Amino acid sequence: MKKTIGVLTGGGDCPGLNSVLYGILLKAMDAGSKVVGIEKGWKGFLENITRELDISKLDDLHTIGGTILYTSRTNPYKNAKKIKDPAKKQKMIEEMAKKMASQFNIMGIDALIAIGGDDTLGVAAAMHQYAGAKVIGVPKTIDNDLSSTDYTFGFWSAIQLASNTMDNITTTARSHQRIFVVQVMGRDAGWLTLVSGISTGADIILIPERPFDFNKDIVNVLRERVKAGCKYHIIACSEGAVPTVESLQRDFQTISQVKIDKLPKDEFGNPLLSKLNLSKVIVEELNLRNDLKDIFQECNAEFEVRDVVLGHTIRAGTPSSFDRILGLRLGIHAAQLVLEERYGLMVCLRGENIQTVPLAEGTQKKTIPLNSDLFELCNLITKVKYESRR
């Protein structure tokens, strides 16, 4: 049956978004269906900002980075988050979900494919749950932190960009005998930092899954490295990495738990960790450690600490070949679900196959399992390098 399919992209931009759009277009146009692009994510959905997508004018769209539909972090349920009473909050979410579902008729669409992370897909899941809206989800995040899918598109493109940048920073660190603290995106999960850190041989890796002890995991490691003859050092840290409670109280002079708790939040209630700037905090704290400076001086090594934030640069540019193909496959399968009238589902990668899971299930967070061999790799690569010099 021919359909008019609405599609939107929400949250941060990501390599492979246009690949998903092109996959949807390929499948829909082949089936004689029409695709309506909804611009600016949920903002455009609420304000009916749409345009029909003509595949004849979008040749090889899958090779282009970003999203031609634009994006935003608009949260239709943001007012509900302010309500403390659970029953009243639930009622407001239900009412908003039903109001949003009525937009289908206004836009003239039969179904909606929402491409986004846990926040964007959480909105879509509520629409299906409370209003029976005909929605399909496609998981998107460079953080790779969505459950039910082995990898999210954009992740490996971001890994390569982060790795390239850290490789370049290493050459400067080596030339000037510097300590570089490199901050990588990752609010709740450390996939980006851990994988790019391992791939580039970072000397210290800090991620949200393992709260760090400033003395043990940073100061002592730097001390042992310089005593072993190491002249430069790379510290890779996730923006969401946190010190242990004990270390925060004992070792930090420039931040406190109060400051962390008072960080401003985005429309979905997530703390804006960029305002904390952990890499800068670590640099400031290291510069206060005269004991560490003395050891560097004794070892005839320079003590110069710099921070670098790998912000939006690692979600920019064209997608890798892997993410182009994954995006196309996810788009094709999402459109197929609409044609089969199977709604309330999210497409995902399981092994080599594209499968489906309930949308509400697919929006759950995925952090790095503590038994992952990535942690063993991390421990070995950051430890053996300097111990082997003794």
Foldseek 3Di string as FASTA:
>chain_A
DAFEEEEEEEDDWFFQPQLLVLLLVVQNVVVVYWYKYQAAAVVSLVVVRIDTDDVVVCPPSLFWGTDPRYYYHDQLLLVLVVDPPPVVSVVVLLVSLQVSLVSCVVNVGQAYEYEEALRRLVNVLSNCVRPVGFYEYEHADLQQWWPPFNGHFRVVLLLVLLLVVVLVVVVVCVVQLEEEEEEEEDAQACPSQLSSCLVNLAQAEFIQVDAAQCCPRPLVLLLLLLVLPRRGHYYYYYLNHHHDQVNQVPQADPDHPVNVVPADADSVRRGPSVVVVVRVRSQVSVVVDVVSVVSCVVSVHDYHYYYHYPPCSSRDDHGDPVSSVVSSVQSNVRSVCVVVSNGQWYWHHDPNDIDIDGSVNRNDTHYDPPPDCSVVSNCCSNPCVSVVSD
